[in-house]
Amino acid sequence: MQPVDNADETTAAHNLVALLDAARDRGAAPAGDPERDPAADRGGRFAWSVPMAGESTIRILMPGVDLKQIRAMSADAPCLFPNAGGESPSQRDAWWWNDAVGVLASSARWSTDPGE
């Protein structure tokens, strides 16, 4: 996982709100408020567990940099890690912004246990 430099939690929290709003627009159904999970933070990405409809939970590692950087259509854009359970998310867990929105909107990709 490429670290994200100059990241901060407050910016990541604002980005999470934008991500959840975009996912709702595409049919996602968050079932409650995100819960901060600082123990799962990795490399400038800040972790939240988000309860979803159907009693599923999805963990999101959100970069704490300007949203324009995350939404950029560039190989340099920092990836999000939705559904990033376990100790060391791998590159297969990395998603660009639009794809991460799709992951949240697709119940087939949700985990019932973000610690798996």
C-alpha atoms as a PDB file:
ATOM      1  CA  MET A   1       0.000   0.000   0.000  1.00  0.00           C
ATOM      2  CA  GLN A   2       1.424   3.346  -1.052  1.00  0.00           C
ATOM      3  CA  PRO A   3       1.474   5.702   1.944  1.00  0.00           C
ATOM      4  CA  VAL A   4      -0.373   9.014   1.667  1.00  0.00           C
ATOM      5  CA  ASP A   5       1.778  11.955   2.756  1.00  0.00           C
ATOM      6  CA  ASN A   6       0.487  14.962   4.707  1.00  0.00           C
ATOM      7  CA  ALA A   7      -2.777  13.245   5.592  1.00  0.00           C
ATOM      8  CA  ASP A   8      -5.006  14.186   8.508  1.00  0.00           C
ATOM      9  CA  GLU A   9      -8.031  12.633  10.187  1.00  0.00           C
ATOM     10  CA  THR A  10     -10.334  15.654   9.836  1.00  0.00           C
ATOM     11  CA  THR A  11      -9.914  15.725   6.060  1.00  0.00           C
ATOM     12  CA  ALA A  12     -10.456  11.957   5.899  1.00  0.00           C
ATOM     13  CA  ALA A  13     -13.694  12.361   7.879  1.00  0.00           C
ATOM     14  CA  HIS A  14     -14.976  14.959   5.374  1.00  0.00           C
ATOM     15  CA  ASN A  15     -14.012  12.631   2.524  1.00  0.00           C
ATOM     16  CA  LEU A  16     -15.909   9.778   4.159  1.00  0.00           C
ATOM     17  CA  VAL A  17     -19.085  11.887   4.269  1.00  0.00           C
ATOM     18  CA  ALA A  18     -18.677  12.632   0.549  1.00  0.00           C
ATOM     19  CA  LEU A  19     -18.091   8.945  -0.213  1.00  0.00           C
ATOM     20  CA  LEU A  20     -21.179   7.838   1.693  1.00  0.00           C
ATOM     21  CA  ASP A  21     -23.289  10.539   0.004  1.00  0.00           C
ATOM     22  CA  ALA A  22     -22.080   9.381  -3.421  1.00  0.00           C
ATOM     23  CA  ALA A  23     -22.775   5.759  -2.504  1.00  0.00           C
ATOM     24  CA  ARG A  24     -26.310   6.634  -1.324  1.00  0.00           C
ATOM     25  CA  ASP A  25     -26.890   8.316  -4.688  1.00  0.00           C
ATOM     26  CA  ARG A  26     -26.074   4.948  -6.292  1.00  0.00           C
ATOM     27  CA  GLY A  27     -28.297   2.911  -3.985  1.00  0.00           C
ATOM     28  CA  ALA A  28     -26.120   2.099  -0.968  1.00  0.00           C
ATOM     29  CA  ALA A  29     -27.933   1.874   2.338  1.00  0.00           C
ATOM     30  CA  PRO A  30     -25.755   2.775   5.297  1.00  0.00           C
ATOM     31  CA  ALA A  31     -27.656   1.652   8.385  1.00  0.00           C
ATOM     32  CA  GLY A  32     -26.007   3.865  10.944  1.00  0.00           C
ATOM     33  CA  ASP A  33     -23.184   6.231  11.694  1.00  0.00           C
ATOM     34  CA  PRO A  34     -19.599   5.306  10.832  1.00  0.00           C
ATOM     35  CA  GLU A  35     -17.519   4.257  13.817  1.00  0.00           C
ATOM     36  CA  ARG A  36     -13.911   5.409  13.934  1.00  0.00           C
ATOM     37  CA  ASP A  37     -11.371   2.561  14.229  1.00  0.00           C
ATOM     38  CA  PRO A  38      -7.946   4.169  14.839  1.00  0.00           C
ATOM     39  CA  ALA A  39      -6.240   0.809  15.390  1.00  0.00           C
ATOM     40  CA  ALA A  40      -6.838  -0.003  11.703  1.00  0.00           C
ATOM     41  CA  ASP A  41      -5.296   3.237  10.331  1.00  0.00           C
ATOM     42  CA  ARG A  42      -2.603   2.607   7.738  1.00  0.00           C
ATOM     43  CA  GLY A  43      -0.232   4.881   5.830  1.00  0.00           C
ATOM     44  CA  GLY A  44      -2.197   8.137   5.840  1.00  0.00           C
ATOM     45  CA  ARG A  45      -5.550   6.355   5.533  1.00  0.00           C
ATOM     46  CA  PHE A  46      -7.989   6.555   8.423  1.00  0.00           C
ATOM     47  CA  ALA A  47     -10.322   3.669   9.245  1.00  0.00           C
ATOM     48  CA  TRP A  48     -14.042   3.607   9.872  1.00  0.00           C
ATOM     49  CA  SER A  49     -16.477   0.733  10.184  1.00  0.00           C
ATOM     50  CA  VAL A  50     -19.759   1.574   8.483  1.00  0.00           C
ATOM     51  CA  PRO A  51     -22.900  -0.444   9.266  1.00  0.00           C
ATOM     52  CA  MET A  52     -24.823  -1.267   6.107  1.00  0.00           C
ATOM     53  CA  ALA A  53     -28.328  -2.601   5.492  1.00  0.00           C
ATOM     54  CA  GLY A  54     -28.690  -6.312   6.152  1.00  0.00           C
ATOM     55  CA  GLU A  55     -26.512  -6.196   9.278  1.00  0.00           C
ATOM     56  CA  SER A  56     -23.319  -6.039   7.216  1.00  0.00           C
ATOM     57  CA  THR A  57     -20.374  -3.866   8.147  1.00  0.00           C
ATOM     58  CA  ILE A  58     -17.811  -2.470   5.778  1.00  0.00           C
ATOM     59  CA  ARG A  59     -14.466  -1.063   6.878  1.00  0.00           C
ATOM     60  CA  ILE A  60     -13.175   1.876   4.886  1.00  0.00           C
ATOM     61  CA  LEU A  61      -9.614   3.191   4.910  1.00  0.00           C
ATOM     62  CA  MET A  62      -9.988   6.769   3.682  1.00  0.00           C
ATOM     63  CA  PRO A  63      -7.048   8.942   2.626  1.00  0.00           C
ATOM     64  CA  GLY A  64      -6.813  12.129   4.637  1.00  0.00           C
ATOM     65  CA  VAL A  65      -5.968  14.463   1.755  1.00  0.00           C
ATOM     66  CA  ASP A  66      -7.959  16.890  -0.370  1.00  0.00           C
ATOM     67  CA  LEU A  67     -10.938  15.231  -2.036  1.00  0.00           C
ATOM     68  CA  LYS A  68      -9.842  16.565  -5.440  1.00  0.00           C
ATOM     69  CA  GLN A  69      -6.699  14.425  -5.176  1.00  0.00           C
ATOM     70  CA  ILE A  70      -8.717  11.300  -4.367  1.00  0.00           C
ATOM     71  CA  ARG A  71     -11.228  11.880  -7.171  1.00  0.00           C
ATOM     72  CA  ALA A  72      -8.509  12.608  -9.747  1.00  0.00           C
ATOM     73  CA  MET A  73      -8.421  10.337 -12.772  1.00  0.00           C
ATOM     74  CA  SER A  74      -4.720   9.708 -12.372  1.00  0.00           C
ATOM     75  CA  ALA A  75      -2.418   6.865 -11.416  1.00  0.00           C
ATOM     76  CA  ASP A  76      -1.128   9.180  -8.683  1.00  0.00           C
ATOM     77  CA  ALA A  77      -4.543   9.510  -7.009  1.00  0.00           C
ATOM     78  CA  PRO A  78      -4.526   7.845  -3.579  1.00  0.00           C
ATOM     79  CA  CYS A  79      -6.704   4.755  -3.479  1.00  0.00           C
ATOM     80  CA  LEU A  80      -9.389   3.999  -0.926  1.00  0.00           C
ATOM     81  CA  PHE A  81      -9.605   0.656   0.766  1.00  0.00           C
ATOM     82  CA  PRO A  82     -13.275  -0.240   1.236  1.00  0.00           C
ATOM     83  CA  ASN A  83     -13.838  -3.556   2.958  1.00  0.00           C
ATOM     84  CA  ALA A  84     -10.235  -3.566   4.119  1.00  0.00           C
ATOM     85  CA  GLY A  85     -10.271  -6.082   6.916  1.00  0.00           C
ATOM     86  CA  GLY A  86      -7.313  -7.702   8.588  1.00  0.00           C
ATOM     87  CA  GLU A  87      -3.938  -6.339   9.508  1.00  0.00           C
ATOM     88  CA  SER A  88      -2.416  -5.576   6.112  1.00  0.00           C
ATOM     89  CA  PRO A  89      -4.718  -4.645   3.249  1.00  0.00           C
ATOM     90  CA  SER A  90      -3.154  -5.641  -0.042  1.00  0.00           C
ATOM     91  CA  GLN A  91      -3.197  -3.899  -3.404  1.00  0.00           C
ATOM     92  CA  ARG A  92      -6.156  -6.103  -4.385  1.00  0.00           C
ATOM     93  CA  ASP A  93      -8.150  -4.176  -1.762  1.00  0.00           C
ATOM     94  CA  ALA A  94      -7.337  -0.792  -3.380  1.00  0.00           C
ATOM     95  CA  TRP A  95     -10.028   1.074  -5.318  1.00  0.00           C
ATOM     96  CA  TRP A  96     -10.176   4.418  -7.109  1.00  0.00           C
ATOM     97  CA  TRP A  97     -12.938   6.794  -5.980  1.00  0.00           C
ATOM     98  CA  ASN A  98     -15.651   5.809  -8.479  1.00  0.00           C
ATOM     99  CA  ASP A  99     -14.970   2.126  -7.992  1.00  0.00           C
ATOM    100  CA  ALA A 100     -15.059   2.493  -4.204  1.00  0.00           C
ATOM    101  CA  VAL A 101     -18.488   4.139  -4.502  1.00  0.00           C
ATOM    102  CA  GLY A 102     -19.563   1.115  -6.532  1.00  0.00           C
ATOM    103  CA  VAL A 103     -18.231  -1.273  -3.891  1.00  0.00           C
ATOM    104  CA  LEU A 104     -20.452   0.386  -1.292  1.00  0.00           C
ATOM    105  CA  ALA A 105     -23.439   0.358  -3.637  1.00  0.00           C
ATOM    106  CA  SER A 106     -23.008  -3.362  -4.362  1.00  0.00           C
ATOM    107  CA  SER A 107     -24.158  -5.507  -1.458  1.00  0.00           C
ATOM    108  CA  ALA A 108     -22.431  -8.522  -3.031  1.00  0.00           C
ATOM    109  CA  ARG A 109     -19.071  -7.042  -2.018  1.00  0.00           C
ATOM    110  CA  TRP A 110     -19.872  -6.379   1.636  1.00  0.00           C
ATOM    111  CA  SER A 111     -18.316  -8.387   4.377  1.00  0.00           C
ATOM    112  CA  THR A 112     -20.222  -9.344   7.483  1.00  0.00           C
ATOM    113  CA  ASP A 113     -17.028  -9.088   9.500  1.00  0.00           C
ATOM    114  CA  PRO A 114     -14.482  -6.355   8.703  1.00  0.00           C
ATOM    115  CA  GLY A 115     -11.892  -8.252  10.755  1.00  0.00           C
ATOM    116  CA  GLU A 116     -11.765 -11.166   8.307  1.00  0.00           C
END
